[in-house]
PDB file of N, CA and C in Angstrom:
ATOM      1  N   MET A   1     -59.321   0.145-113.563  1.00  0.00           N
ATOM      2  CA  MET A   1     -58.155   0.977-113.682  1.00  0.00           C
ATOM      3  C   MET A   1     -57.271   0.767-112.475  1.00  0.00           C
ATOM      4  N   SER A   2     -55.987   0.700-112.657  1.00  0.00           N
ATOM      5  CA  SER A   2     -55.101   0.499-111.545  1.00  0.00           C
ATOM      6  C   SER A   2     -54.356   1.801-111.231  1.00  0.00           C
ATOM      7  N   SER A   3     -53.870   1.856-109.980  1.00  0.00           N
ATOM      8  CA  SER A   3     -53.070   3.074-109.559  1.00  0.00           C
ATOM      9  C   SER A   3     -51.626   2.653-109.430  1.00  0.00           C
ATOM     10  N   SER A   4     -50.767   3.572-109.844  1.00  0.00           N
ATOM     11  CA  SER A   4     -49.326   3.328-109.769  1.00  0.00           C
ATOM     12  C   SER A   4     -48.710   4.400-108.858  1.00  0.00           C
ATOM     13  N   ARG A   5     -47.745   3.947-108.041  1.00  0.00           N
ATOM     14  CA  ARG A   5     -47.056   4.910-107.161  1.00  0.00           C
ATOM     15  C   ARG A   5     -45.579   4.651-107.210  1.00  0.00           C
ATOM     16  N   MET A   6     -44.827   5.732-107.114  1.00  0.00           N
ATOM     17  CA  MET A   6     -43.371   5.690-107.035  1.00  0.00           C
ATOM     18  C   MET A   6     -43.011   6.201-105.619  1.00  0.00           C
ATOM     19  N   LEU A   7     -42.309   5.342-104.899  1.00  0.00           N
ATOM     20  CA  LEU A   7     -41.990   5.643-103.471  1.00  0.00           C
ATOM     21  C   LEU A   7     -40.516   5.576-103.212  1.00  0.00           C
ATOM     22  N   PRO A   8     -39.876   6.611-102.769  1.00  0.00           N
ATOM     23  CA  PRO A   8     -38.471   6.488-102.365  1.00  0.00           C
ATOM     24  C   PRO A   8     -38.437   5.702-101.043  1.00  0.00           C
ATOM     25  N   VAL A   9     -37.366   4.958-100.845  1.00  0.00           N
ATOM     26  CA  VAL A   9     -37.307   4.093 -99.638  1.00  0.00           C
ATOM     27  C   VAL A   9     -36.781   4.954 -98.465  1.00  0.00           C
ATOM     28  N   PRO A  10     -37.654   5.052 -97.389  1.00  0.00           N
ATOM     29  CA  PRO A  10     -37.248   5.855 -96.209  1.00  0.00           C
ATOM     30  C   PRO A  10     -36.065   5.166 -95.517  1.00  0.00           C
ATOM     31  N   ASP A  11     -35.248   5.974 -94.840  1.00  0.00           N
ATOM     32  CA  ASP A  11     -34.083   5.507 -94.127  1.00  0.00           C
ATOM     33  C   ASP A  11     -34.403   4.338 -93.164  1.00  0.00           C
ATOM     34  N   ALA A  12     -35.593   4.409 -92.516  1.00  0.00           N
ATOM     35  CA  ALA A  12     -35.952   3.458 -91.524  1.00  0.00           C
ATOM     36  C   ALA A  12     -36.213   2.036 -92.122  1.00  0.00           C
ATOM     37  N   LEU A  13     -36.427   2.007 -93.464  1.00  0.00           N
ATOM     38  CA  LEU A  13     -36.776   0.726 -94.135  1.00  0.00           C
ATOM     39  C   LEU A  13     -35.628   0.175 -94.933  1.00  0.00           C
ATOM     40  N   VAL A  14     -34.485   0.823 -94.923  1.00  0.00           N
ATOM     41  CA  VAL A  14     -33.323   0.309 -95.630  1.00  0.00           C
ATOM     42  C   VAL A  14     -32.969  -1.054 -95.055  1.00  0.00           C
ATOM     43  N   GLY A  15     -32.727  -2.037 -95.932  1.00  0.00           N
ATOM     44  CA  GLY A  15     -32.369  -3.341 -95.491  1.00  0.00           C
ATOM     45  C   GLY A  15     -33.588  -4.322 -95.249  1.00  0.00           C
ATOM     46  N   GLU A  16     -34.777  -3.717 -95.249  1.00  0.00           N
ATOM     47  CA  GLU A  16     -36.008  -4.540 -95.058  1.00  0.00           C
ATOM     48  C   GLU A  16     -36.317  -5.282 -96.346  1.00  0.00           C
ATOM     49  N   ARG A  17     -37.070  -6.339 -96.196  1.00  0.00           N
ATOM     50  CA  ARG A  17     -37.639  -7.067 -97.297  1.00  0.00           C
ATOM     51  C   ARG A  17     -38.655  -6.193 -98.081  1.00  0.00           C
ATOM     52  N   VAL A  18     -38.811  -6.387 -99.380  1.00  0.00           N
ATOM     53  CA  VAL A  18     -39.690  -5.584-100.153  1.00  0.00           C
ATOM     54  C   VAL A  18     -41.137  -5.727 -99.646  1.00  0.00           C
ATOM     55  N   ASP A  19     -41.551  -6.987 -99.419  1.00  0.00           N
ATOM     56  CA  ASP A  19     -42.976  -7.159 -98.970  1.00  0.00           C
ATOM     57  C   ASP A  19     -43.300  -6.556 -97.648  1.00  0.00           C
ATOM     58  N   ALA A  20     -42.312  -6.638 -96.728  1.00  0.00           N
ATOM     59  CA  ALA A  20     -42.500  -6.049 -95.387  1.00  0.00           C
ATOM     60  C   ALA A  20     -42.514  -4.524 -95.482  1.00  0.00           C
ATOM     61  N   ALA A  21     -41.636  -3.951 -96.274  1.00  0.00           N
ATOM     62  CA  ALA A  21     -41.537  -2.509 -96.390  1.00  0.00           C
ATOM     63  C   ALA A  21     -42.767  -1.933 -97.067  1.00  0.00           C
ATOM     64  N   LEU A  22     -43.273  -2.580 -98.122  1.00  0.00           N
ATOM     65  CA  LEU A  22     -44.480  -2.133 -98.758  1.00  0.00           C
ATOM     66  C   LEU A  22     -45.634  -2.225 -97.829  1.00  0.00           C
ATOM     67  N   ALA A  23     -45.729  -3.262 -97.047  1.00  0.00           N
ATOM     68  CA  ALA A  23     -46.819  -3.401 -96.126  1.00  0.00           C
ATOM     69  C   ALA A  23     -46.871  -2.226 -95.117  1.00  0.00           C
ATOM     70  N   ARG A  24     -45.687  -1.844 -94.647  1.00  0.00           N
ATOM     71  CA  ARG A  24     -45.625  -0.763 -93.708  1.00  0.00           C
ATOM     72  C   ARG A  24     -45.936   0.616 -94.448  1.00  0.00           C
ATOM     73  N   MET A  25     -45.425   0.786 -95.622  1.00  0.00           N
ATOM     74  CA  MET A  25     -45.637   2.076 -96.322  1.00  0.00           C
ATOM     75  C   MET A  25     -47.081   2.269 -96.833  1.00  0.00           C
ATOM     76  N   LEU A  26     -47.730   1.166 -97.284  1.00  0.00           N
ATOM     77  CA  LEU A  26     -49.004   1.254 -97.901  1.00  0.00           C
ATOM     78  C   LEU A  26     -50.154   0.832 -97.052  1.00  0.00           C
ATOM     79  N   GLY A  27     -49.857   0.213 -95.913  1.00  0.00           N
ATOM     80  CA  GLY A  27     -50.906  -0.234 -95.067  1.00  0.00           C
ATOM     81  C   GLY A  27     -51.639  -1.457 -95.530  1.00  0.00           C
ATOM     82  N   LEU A  28     -50.970  -2.267 -96.446  1.00  0.00           N
ATOM     83  CA  LEU A  28     -51.533  -3.500 -96.942  1.00  0.00           C
ATOM     84  C   LEU A  28     -50.993  -4.639 -96.078  1.00  0.00           C
ATOM     85  N   SER A  29     -51.539  -5.808 -96.255  1.00  0.00           N
ATOM     86  CA  SER A  29     -51.015  -6.963 -95.537  1.00  0.00           C
ATOM     87  C   SER A  29     -49.708  -7.397 -96.266  1.00  0.00           C
ATOM     88  N   ARG A  30     -48.859  -8.067 -95.552  1.00  0.00           N
ATOM     89  CA  ARG A  30     -47.583  -8.530 -96.126  1.00  0.00           C
ATOM     90  C   ARG A  30     -47.873  -9.559 -97.228  1.00  0.00           C
ATOM     91  N   SER A  31     -48.845 -10.474 -97.051  1.00  0.00           N
ATOM     92  CA  SER A  31     -49.172 -11.419 -98.064  1.00  0.00           C
ATOM     93  C   SER A  31     -49.719 -10.795 -99.325  1.00  0.00           C
ATOM     94  N   ARG A  32     -50.465  -9.655 -99.180  1.00  0.00           N
ATOM     95  CA  ARG A  32     -50.949  -8.951-100.365  1.00  0.00           C
ATOM     96  C   ARG A  32     -49.781  -8.324-101.153  1.00  0.00           C
ATOM     97  N   CYS A  33     -48.810  -7.739-100.392  1.00  0.00           N
ATOM     98  CA  CYS A  33     -47.669  -7.192-101.046  1.00  0.00           C
ATOM     99  C   CYS A  33     -46.825  -8.273-101.728  1.00  0.00           C
ATOM    100  N   ALA A  34     -46.759  -9.480-101.112  1.00  0.00           N
ATOM    101  CA  ALA A  34     -46.046 -10.596-101.800  1.00  0.00           C
ATOM    102  C   ALA A  34     -46.765 -11.014-103.091  1.00  0.00           C
ATOM    103  N   GLU A  35     -48.056 -10.968-103.072  1.00  0.00           N
ATOM    104  CA  GLU A  35     -48.829 -11.254-104.297  1.00  0.00           C
ATOM    105  C   GLU A  35     -48.519 -10.251-105.398  1.00  0.00           C
ATOM    106  N   LEU A  36     -48.452  -8.964-104.971  1.00  0.00           N
ATOM    107  CA  LEU A  36     -48.099  -7.949-106.004  1.00  0.00           C
ATOM    108  C   LEU A  36     -46.715  -8.150-106.576  1.00  0.00           C
ATOM    109  N   CYS A  37     -45.776  -8.593-105.758  1.00  0.00           N
ATOM    110  CA  CYS A  37     -44.373  -8.910-106.243  1.00  0.00           C
ATOM    111  C   CYS A  37     -44.449 -10.051-107.216  1.00  0.00           C
ATOM    112  N   ALA A  38     -45.192 -11.120-106.820  1.00  0.00           N
ATOM    113  CA  ALA A  38     -45.256 -12.321-107.675  1.00  0.00           C
ATOM    114  C   ALA A  38     -45.893 -12.029-109.013  1.00  0.00           C
ATOM    115  N   ALA A  39     -46.793 -11.061-109.041  1.00  0.00           N
ATOM    116  CA  ALA A  39     -47.484 -10.671-110.278  1.00  0.00           C
ATOM    117  C   ALA A  39     -46.684  -9.746-111.109  1.00  0.00           C
ATOM    118  N   GLY A  40     -45.499  -9.349-110.654  1.00  0.00           N
ATOM    119  CA  GLY A  40     -44.638  -8.412-111.420  1.00  0.00           C
ATOM    120  C   GLY A  40     -45.116  -6.967-111.335  1.00  0.00           C
ATOM    121  N   LEU A  41     -45.874  -6.659-110.333  1.00  0.00           N
ATOM    122  CA  LEU A  41     -46.420  -5.231-110.217  1.00  0.00           C
ATOM    123  C   LEU A  41     -45.529  -4.355-109.311  1.00  0.00           C
ATOM    124  N   VAL A  42     -44.458  -4.929-108.782  1.00  0.00           N
ATOM    125  CA  VAL A  42     -43.516  -4.167-107.937  1.00  0.00           C
ATOM    126  C   VAL A  42     -42.140  -4.113-108.653  1.00  0.00           C
ATOM    127  N   LEU A  43     -41.671  -2.892-108.832  1.00  0.00           N
ATOM    128  CA  LEU A  43     -40.365  -2.665-109.470  1.00  0.00           C
ATOM    129  C   LEU A  43     -39.459  -1.877-108.507  1.00  0.00           C
ATOM    130  N   ILE A  44     -38.240  -2.291-108.431  1.00  0.00           N
ATOM    131  CA  ILE A  44     -37.212  -1.534-107.677  1.00  0.00           C
ATOM    132  C   ILE A  44     -36.227  -1.025-108.688  1.00  0.00           C
ATOM    133  N   ASN A  45     -36.156   0.350-108.769  1.00  0.00           N
ATOM    134  CA  ASN A  45     -35.248   0.957-109.704  1.00  0.00           C
ATOM    135  C   ASN A  45     -35.511   0.418-111.176  1.00  0.00           C
ATOM    136  N   ALA A  46     -36.794   0.284-111.515  1.00  0.00           N
ATOM    137  CA  ALA A  46     -37.270  -0.157-112.840  1.00  0.00           C
ATOM    138  C   ALA A  46     -36.980  -1.618-113.125  1.00  0.00           C
ATOM    139  N   VAL A  47     -36.707  -2.423-112.155  1.00  0.00           N
ATOM    140  CA  VAL A  47     -36.479  -3.836-112.336  1.00  0.00           C
ATOM    141  C   VAL A  47     -37.447  -4.631-111.418  1.00  0.00           C
ATOM    142  N   SER A  48     -38.048  -5.645-112.027  1.00  0.00           N
ATOM    143  CA  SER A  48     -39.034  -6.458-111.276  1.00  0.00           C
ATOM    144  C   SER A  48     -38.400  -6.952-109.998  1.00  0.00           C
ATOM    145  N   ALA A  49     -39.127  -6.872-108.888  1.00  0.00           N
ATOM    146  CA  ALA A  49     -38.582  -7.208-107.600  1.00  0.00           C
ATOM    147  C   ALA A  49     -39.205  -8.489-107.069  1.00  0.00           C
ATOM    148  N   ASP A  50     -38.447  -9.279-106.402  1.00  0.00           N
ATOM    149  CA  ASP A  50     -38.907 -10.466-105.693  1.00  0.00           C
ATOM    150  C   ASP A  50     -39.279 -10.006-104.244  1.00  0.00           C
ATOM    151  N   LYS A  51     -40.219 -10.730-103.703  1.00  0.00           N
ATOM    152  CA  LYS A  51     -40.734 -10.271-102.387  1.00  0.00           C
ATOM    153  C   LYS A  51     -39.674 -10.315-101.323  1.00  0.00           C
ATOM    154  N   SER A  52     -38.636 -11.145-101.439  1.00  0.00           N
ATOM    155  CA  SER A  52     -37.609 -11.220-100.435  1.00  0.00           C
ATOM    156  C   SER A  52     -36.349 -10.372-100.663  1.00  0.00           C
ATOM    157  N   ALA A  53     -36.447  -9.568-101.791  1.00  0.00           N
ATOM    158  CA  ALA A  53     -35.333  -8.696-102.080  1.00  0.00           C
ATOM    159  C   ALA A  53     -35.183  -7.634-100.981  1.00  0.00           C
ATOM    160  N   ARG A  54     -33.968  -7.273-100.673  1.00  0.00           N
ATOM    161  CA  ARG A  54     -33.704  -6.225 -99.618  1.00  0.00           C
ATOM    162  C   ARG A  54     -33.560  -4.864-100.254  1.00  0.00           C
ATOM    163  N   LEU A  55     -34.082  -3.863 -99.587  1.00  0.00           N
ATOM    164  CA  LEU A  55     -34.081  -2.482-100.073  1.00  0.00           C
ATOM    165  C   LEU A  55     -32.770  -1.778 -99.724  1.00  0.00           C
ATOM    166  N   GLY A  56     -32.328  -0.985-100.693  1.00  0.00           N
ATOM    167  CA  GLY A  56     -31.123  -0.189-100.468  1.00  0.00           C
ATOM    168  C   GLY A  56     -31.496   1.300-100.185  1.00  0.00           C
ATOM    169  N   ALA A  57     -30.492   2.077 -99.796  1.00  0.00           N
ATOM    170  CA  ALA A  57     -30.690   3.461 -99.392  1.00  0.00           C
ATOM    171  C   ALA A  57     -31.282   4.361-100.566  1.00  0.00           C
ATOM    172  N   ASP A  58     -30.784   4.105-101.777  1.00  0.00           N
ATOM    173  CA  ASP A  58     -31.172   4.993-102.852  1.00  0.00           C
ATOM    174  C   ASP A  58     -32.216   4.363-103.797  1.00  0.00           C
ATOM    175  N   ASP A  59     -32.824   3.278-103.309  1.00  0.00           N
ATOM    176  CA  ASP A  59     -33.868   2.619-104.163  1.00  0.00           C
ATOM    177  C   ASP A  59     -35.142   3.391-104.223  1.00  0.00           C
ATOM    178  N   VAL A  60     -35.805   3.227-105.375  1.00  0.00           N
ATOM    179  CA  VAL A  60     -37.137   3.817-105.648  1.00  0.00           C
ATOM    180  C   VAL A  60     -38.057   2.651-105.980  1.00  0.00           C
ATOM    181  N   ILE A  61     -39.120   2.497-105.229  1.00  0.00           N
ATOM    182  CA  ILE A  61     -40.064   1.377-105.520  1.00  0.00           C
ATOM    183  C   ILE A  61     -41.230   1.976-106.293  1.00  0.00           C
ATOM    184  N   GLU A  62     -41.531   1.265-107.377  1.00  0.00           N
ATOM    185  CA  GLU A  62     -42.746   1.548-108.156  1.00  0.00           C
ATOM    186  C   GLU A  62     -43.673   0.392-107.978  1.00  0.00           C
ATOM    187  N   VAL A  63     -44.920   0.634-107.491  1.00  0.00           N
ATOM    188  CA  VAL A  63     -45.844  -0.370-107.271  1.00  0.00           C
ATOM    189  C   VAL A  63     -47.209  -0.014-107.995  1.00  0.00           C
ATOM    190  N   THR A  64     -47.749  -0.987-108.686  1.00  0.00           N
ATOM    191  CA  THR A  64     -49.018  -0.774-109.370  1.00  0.00           C
ATOM    192  C   THR A  64     -50.042  -1.676-108.599  1.00  0.00           C
ATOM    193  N   ILE A  65     -51.085  -1.046-108.152  1.00  0.00           N
ATOM    194  CA  ILE A  65     -52.122  -1.745-107.352  1.00  0.00           C
ATOM    195  C   ILE A  65     -53.354  -1.818-108.258  1.00  0.00           C
ATOM    196  N   PRO A  66     -53.769  -3.036-108.639  1.00  0.00           N
ATOM    197  CA  PRO A  66     -54.919  -3.134-109.495  1.00  0.00           C
ATOM    198  C   PRO A  66     -56.222  -2.857-108.722  1.00  0.00           C
ATOM    199  N   GLU A  67     -57.215  -2.422-109.427  1.00  0.00           N
ATOM    200  CA  GLU A  67     -58.527  -2.192-108.793  1.00  0.00           C
ATOM    201  C   GLU A  67     -59.103  -3.508-108.373  1.00  0.00           C
ATOM    202  N   PRO A  68     -59.839  -3.534-107.210  1.00  0.00           N
ATOM    203  CA  PRO A  68     -60.495  -4.809-106.866  1.00  0.00           C
ATOM    204  C   PRO A  68     -61.571  -5.151-107.800  1.00  0.00           C
ATOM    205  N   GLU A  69     -61.776  -6.459-107.949  1.00  0.00           N
ATOM    206  CA  GLU A  69     -62.884  -6.980-108.771  1.00  0.00           C
ATOM    207  C   GLU A  69     -64.223  -6.577-108.114  1.00  0.00           C
ATOM    208  N   ASN A  70     -65.123  -6.135-108.904  1.00  0.00           N
ATOM    209  CA  ASN A  70     -66.488  -5.842-108.373  1.00  0.00           C
ATOM    210  C   ASN A  70     -67.258  -7.112-108.188  1.00  0.00           C
ATOM    211  N   LYS A  71     -67.461  -7.545-106.994  1.00  0.00           N
ATOM    212  CA  LYS A  71     -68.252  -8.739-106.699  1.00  0.00           C
ATOM    213  C   LYS A  71     -69.565  -8.271-106.096  1.00  0.00           C
ATOM    214  N   PRO A  72     -70.659  -8.898-106.568  1.00  0.00           N
ATOM    215  CA  PRO A  72     -71.952  -8.513-105.976  1.00  0.00           C
ATOM    216  C   PRO A  72     -72.042  -9.010-104.511  1.00  0.00           C
ATOM    217  N   ALA A  73     -72.729  -8.170-103.686  1.00  0.00           N
ATOM    218  CA  ALA A  73     -72.906  -8.530-102.322  1.00  0.00           C
ATOM    219  C   ALA A  73     -73.837  -9.724-102.223  1.00  0.00           C
ATOM    220  N   PRO A  74     -73.515 -10.608-101.295  1.00  0.00           N
ATOM    221  CA  PRO A  74     -74.396 -11.792-101.140  1.00  0.00           C
ATOM    222  C   PRO A  74     -75.782 -11.336-100.659  1.00  0.00           C
ATOM    223  N   ALA A  75     -76.754 -11.948-101.242  1.00  0.00           N
ATOM    224  CA  ALA A  75     -78.189 -11.683-100.798  1.00  0.00           C
ATOM    225  C   ALA A  75     -78.466 -12.281 -99.428  1.00  0.00           C
ATOM    226  N   THR A  76     -79.333 -11.601 -98.689  1.00  0.00           N
ATOM    227  CA  THR A  76     -79.685 -12.098 -97.364  1.00  0.00           C
ATOM    228  C   THR A  76     -81.168 -12.512 -97.366  1.00  0.00           C
ATOM    229  N   ASP A  77     -81.626 -13.069 -96.322  1.00  0.00           N
ATOM    230  CA  ASP A  77     -83.000 -13.442 -96.203  1.00  0.00           C
ATOM    231  C   ASP A  77     -83.907 -12.236 -96.006  1.00  0.00           C
ATOM    232  N   MET A  78     -83.278 -11.136 -95.595  1.00  0.00           N
ATOM    233  CA  MET A  78     -84.150  -9.956 -95.341  1.00  0.00           C
ATOM    234  C   MET A  78     -84.659  -9.216 -96.574  1.00  0.00           C
ATOM    235  N   ASP A  79     -83.818  -9.117 -97.559  1.00  0.00           N
ATOM    236  CA  ASP A  79     -84.195  -8.347 -98.758  1.00  0.00           C
ATOM    237  C   ASP A  79     -83.578  -8.993-100.078  1.00  0.00           C
ATOM    238  N   PRO A  80     -84.308  -9.121-101.101  1.00  0.00           N
ATOM    239  CA  PRO A  80     -83.755  -9.697-102.307  1.00  0.00           C
ATOM    240  C   PRO A  80     -82.486  -8.978-102.854  1.00  0.00           C
ATOM    241  N   GLY A  81     -82.443  -7.681-102.577  1.00  0.00           N
ATOM    242  CA  GLY A  81     -81.254  -6.929-102.990  1.00  0.00           C
ATOM    243  C   GLY A  81     -80.053  -7.008-102.120  1.00  0.00           C
ATOM    244  N   GLY A  82     -80.159  -7.720-100.999  1.00  0.00           N
ATOM    245  CA  GLY A  82     -79.017  -7.790-100.094  1.00  0.00           C
ATOM    246  C   GLY A  82     -78.982  -6.701 -99.079  1.00  0.00           C
ATOM    247  N   ARG A  83     -79.987  -5.883 -98.966  1.00  0.00           N
ATOM    248  CA  ARG A  83     -79.960  -4.760 -98.032  1.00  0.00           C
ATOM    249  C   ARG A  83     -80.930  -5.051 -96.897  1.00  0.00           C
ATOM    250  N   ALA A  84     -80.578  -4.585 -95.728  1.00  0.00           N
ATOM    251  CA  ALA A  84     -81.444  -4.785 -94.562  1.00  0.00           C
ATOM    252  C   ALA A  84     -82.622  -3.746 -94.707  1.00  0.00           C
ATOM    253  N   PRO A  85     -83.805  -4.112 -94.293  1.00  0.00           N
ATOM    254  CA  PRO A  85     -84.925  -3.135 -94.356  1.00  0.00           C
ATOM    255  C   PRO A  85     -84.747  -2.032 -93.405  1.00  0.00           C
ATOM    256  N   PRO A  86     -85.249  -0.799 -93.694  1.00  0.00           N
ATOM    257  CA  PRO A  86     -85.083   0.318 -92.798  1.00  0.00           C
ATOM    258  C   PRO A  86     -85.882   0.059 -91.524  1.00  0.00           C
ATOM    259  N   PHE A  87     -85.408   0.595 -90.425  1.00  0.00           N
ATOM    260  CA  PHE A  87     -86.075   0.470 -89.147  1.00  0.00           C
ATOM    261  C   PHE A  87     -86.420   1.818 -88.576  1.00  0.00           C
ATOM    262  N   TRP A  88     -87.456   1.907 -87.768  1.00  0.00           N
ATOM    263  CA  TRP A  88     -87.785   3.135 -87.068  1.00  0.00           C
ATOM    264  C   TRP A  88     -87.967   2.767 -85.603  1.00  0.00           C
ATOM    265  N   VAL A  89     -87.591   3.664 -84.737  1.00  0.00           N
ATOM    266  CA  VAL A  89     -87.610   3.412 -83.304  1.00  0.00           C
ATOM    267  C   VAL A  89     -88.953   3.829 -82.723  1.00  0.00           C
ATOM    268  N   THR A  90     -89.546   2.883 -81.961  1.00  0.00           N
ATOM    269  CA  THR A  90     -90.808   3.199 -81.352  1.00  0.00           C
ATOM    270  C   THR A  90     -90.702   3.799 -79.929  1.00  0.00           C
ATOM    271  N   SER A  91     -89.628   3.467 -79.267  1.00  0.00           N
ATOM    272  CA  SER A  91     -89.418   3.951 -77.902  1.00  0.00           C
ATOM    273  C   SER A  91     -87.869   4.265 -77.728  1.00  0.00           C
ATOM    274  N   ARG A  92     -87.549   5.511 -77.626  1.00  0.00           N
ATOM    275  CA  ARG A  92     -86.115   5.856 -77.461  1.00  0.00           C
ATOM    276  C   ARG A  92     -85.605   5.332 -76.111  1.00  0.00           C
ATOM    277  N   GLN A  93     -86.432   5.332 -75.044  1.00  0.00           N
ATOM    278  CA  GLN A  93     -85.950   4.860 -73.809  1.00  0.00           C
ATOM    279  C   GLN A  93     -85.604   3.391 -73.773  1.00  0.00           C
ATOM    280  N   ARG A  94     -86.454   2.606 -74.369  1.00  0.00           N
ATOM    281  CA  ARG A  94     -86.250   1.175 -74.362  1.00  0.00           C
ATOM    282  C   ARG A  94     -85.468   0.727 -75.619  1.00  0.00           C
ATOM    283  N   GLY A  95     -85.342   1.538 -76.677  1.00  0.00           N
ATOM    284  CA  GLY A  95     -84.606   1.157 -77.812  1.00  0.00           C
ATOM    285  C   GLY A  95     -85.240   0.112 -78.638  1.00  0.00           C
ATOM    286  N   ILE A  96     -86.569   0.030 -78.614  1.00  0.00           N
ATOM    287  CA  ILE A  96     -87.303  -0.947 -79.359  1.00  0.00           C
ATOM    288  C   ILE A  96     -87.485  -0.473 -80.808  1.00  0.00           C
ATOM    289  N   ALA A  97     -87.200  -1.287 -81.776  1.00  0.00           N
ATOM    290  CA  ALA A  97     -87.376  -0.890 -83.178  1.00  0.00           C
ATOM    291  C   ALA A  97     -88.231  -1.889 -83.938  1.00  0.00           C
ATOM    292  N   LEU A  98     -89.078  -1.417 -84.804  1.00  0.00           N
ATOM    293  CA  LEU A  98     -89.876  -2.223 -85.679  1.00  0.00           C
ATOM    294  C   LEU A  98     -89.500  -2.022 -87.127  1.00  0.00           C
ATOM    295  N   PRO A  99     -89.580  -3.022 -87.925  1.00  0.00           N
ATOM    296  CA  PRO A  99     -89.294  -2.849 -89.364  1.00  0.00           C
ATOM    297  C   PRO A  99     -90.258  -1.876 -90.003  1.00  0.00           C
ATOM    298  N   ALA A 100     -89.886  -1.115 -90.981  1.00  0.00           N
ATOM    299  CA  ALA A 100     -90.755  -0.144 -91.584  1.00  0.00           C
ATOM    300  C   ALA A 100     -91.889  -0.831 -92.327  1.00  0.00           C
ATOM    301  N   THR A 101     -91.763  -2.119 -92.532  1.00  0.00           N
ATOM    302  CA  THR A 101     -92.821  -2.880 -93.183  1.00  0.00           C
ATOM    303  C   THR A 101     -93.865  -3.419 -92.269  1.00  0.00           C
ATOM    304  N   ALA A 102     -93.725  -3.120 -90.943  1.00  0.00           N
ATOM    305  CA  ALA A 102     -94.637  -3.630 -89.956  1.00  0.00           C
ATOM    306  C   ALA A 102     -96.040  -3.052 -90.212  1.00  0.00           C
ATOM    307  N   PRO A 103     -97.123  -3.769 -89.876  1.00  0.00           N
ATOM    308  CA  PRO A 103     -98.472  -3.203 -90.093  1.00  0.00           C
ATOM    309  C   PRO A 103     -98.721  -2.080 -89.103  1.00  0.00           C
ATOM    310  N   PRO A 104     -99.644  -1.184 -89.415  1.00  0.00           N
ATOM    311  CA  PRO A 104     -99.880   0.025 -88.617  1.00  0.00           C
ATOM    312  C   PRO A 104    -100.286  -0.290 -87.143  1.00  0.00           C
ATOM    313  N   ASN A 105    -100.943  -1.439 -86.924  1.00  0.00           N
ATOM    314  CA  ASN A 105    -101.351  -1.735 -85.545  1.00  0.00           C
ATOM    315  C   ASN A 105    -100.341  -2.605 -84.804  1.00  0.00           C
ATOM    316  N   ALA A 106     -99.096  -2.609 -85.247  1.00  0.00           N
ATOM    317  CA  ALA A 106     -98.092  -3.420 -84.627  1.00  0.00           C
ATOM    318  C   ALA A 106     -97.671  -2.863 -83.222  1.00  0.00           C
ATOM    319  N   ARG A 107     -97.521  -3.775 -82.251  1.00  0.00           N
ATOM    320  CA  ARG A 107     -97.077  -3.383 -80.942  1.00  0.00           C
ATOM    321  C   ARG A 107     -95.693  -4.011 -80.699  1.00  0.00           C
ATOM    322  N   ALA A 108     -94.843  -3.360 -80.001  1.00  0.00           N
ATOM    323  CA  ALA A 108     -93.526  -3.880 -79.712  1.00  0.00           C
ATOM    324  C   ALA A 108     -93.388  -4.272 -78.269  1.00  0.00           C
ATOM    325  N   SER A 109     -92.641  -5.375 -78.102  1.00  0.00           N
ATOM    326  CA  SER A 109     -92.229  -5.761 -76.712  1.00  0.00           C
ATOM    327  C   SER A 109     -90.720  -5.768 -76.772  1.00  0.00           C
ATOM    328  N   SER A 110     -90.085  -6.206 -75.659  1.00  0.00           N
ATOM    329  CA  SER A 110     -88.629  -6.239 -75.592  1.00  0.00           C
ATOM    330  C   SER A 110     -88.030  -7.341 -76.496  1.00  0.00           C
ATOM    331  N   THR A 111     -88.833  -8.311 -76.892  1.00  0.00           N
ATOM    332  CA  THR A 111     -88.303  -9.464 -77.681  1.00  0.00           C
ATOM    333  C   THR A 111     -88.904  -9.617 -79.035  1.00  0.00           C
ATOM    334  N   ALA A 112     -90.130  -9.071 -79.290  1.00  0.00           N
ATOM    335  CA  ALA A 112     -90.788  -9.355 -80.592  1.00  0.00           C
ATOM    336  C   ALA A 112     -91.865  -8.269 -80.841  1.00  0.00           C
ATOM    337  N   TRP A 113     -92.383  -8.287 -82.006  1.00  0.00           N
ATOM    338  CA  TRP A 113     -93.508  -7.401 -82.287  1.00  0.00           C
ATOM    339  C   TRP A 113     -94.632  -8.249 -82.852  1.00  0.00           C
ATOM    340  N   THR A 114     -95.853  -7.711 -82.695  1.00  0.00           N
ATOM    341  CA  THR A 114     -97.036  -8.450 -83.120  1.00  0.00           C
ATOM    342  C   THR A 114     -98.039  -7.450 -83.657  1.00  0.00           C
ATOM    343  N   SER A 115     -98.906  -7.921 -84.532  1.00  0.00           N
ATOM    344  CA  SER A 115     -99.894  -7.047 -85.121  1.00  0.00           C
ATOM    345  C   SER A 115    -101.283  -7.316 -84.493  1.00  0.00           C
ATOM    346  N   GLU A 116    -101.364  -8.125 -83.370  1.00  0.00           N
ATOM    347  CA  GLU A 116    -102.618  -8.338 -82.724  1.00  0.00           C
ATOM    348  C   GLU A 116    -103.071  -7.076 -82.015  1.00  0.00           C
ATOM    349  N   PRO A 117    -104.371  -6.812 -81.910  1.00  0.00           N
ATOM    350  CA  PRO A 117    -104.900  -5.683 -81.184  1.00  0.00           C
ATOM    351  C   PRO A 117    -104.559  -5.817 -79.731  1.00  0.00           C
ATOM    352  N   PRO A 118    -104.387  -4.687 -78.992  1.00  0.00           N
ATOM    353  CA  PRO A 118    -104.024  -4.724 -77.600  1.00  0.00           C
ATOM    354  C   PRO A 118    -105.110  -5.468 -76.773  1.00  0.00           C
ATOM    355  N   GLY A 119    -104.676  -6.255 -75.791  1.00  0.00           N
ATOM    356  CA  GLY A 119    -105.541  -6.876 -74.885  1.00  0.00           C
ATOM    357  C   GLY A 119    -105.919  -8.343 -75.340  1.00  0.00           C
ATOM    358  N   GLN A 120    -105.362  -8.805 -76.433  1.00  0.00           N
ATOM    359  CA  GLN A 120    -105.665 -10.137 -76.905  1.00  0.00           C
ATOM    360  C   GLN A 120    -104.424 -11.054 -76.810  1.00  0.00           C
TER     361      GLN A 120
END
């Protein structure tokens, strides 16, 4: 589902290019605003607008922003689902953390963890 907005042109943006004005009003990149113009999703006074058109004092901009495509997150080596494993901290002062999947006899050092018994 896409969202549509009708925006009156503020006095400070009169004479600006459509893509630059939209970028400032919506917080989008100027190139993203230019893409919206090229796709015909930006109207000025109900007429399709080119990205380089200049805005007038009484203009009303209508912009339709499509929903982003849902792309699955890339999987990592840590977890088949692409999520990092949970960690728990063993020493607050040193900030050493072990993965929750570590064996119960795991010991932590400042650089690694091992499951060997102490003293070996």
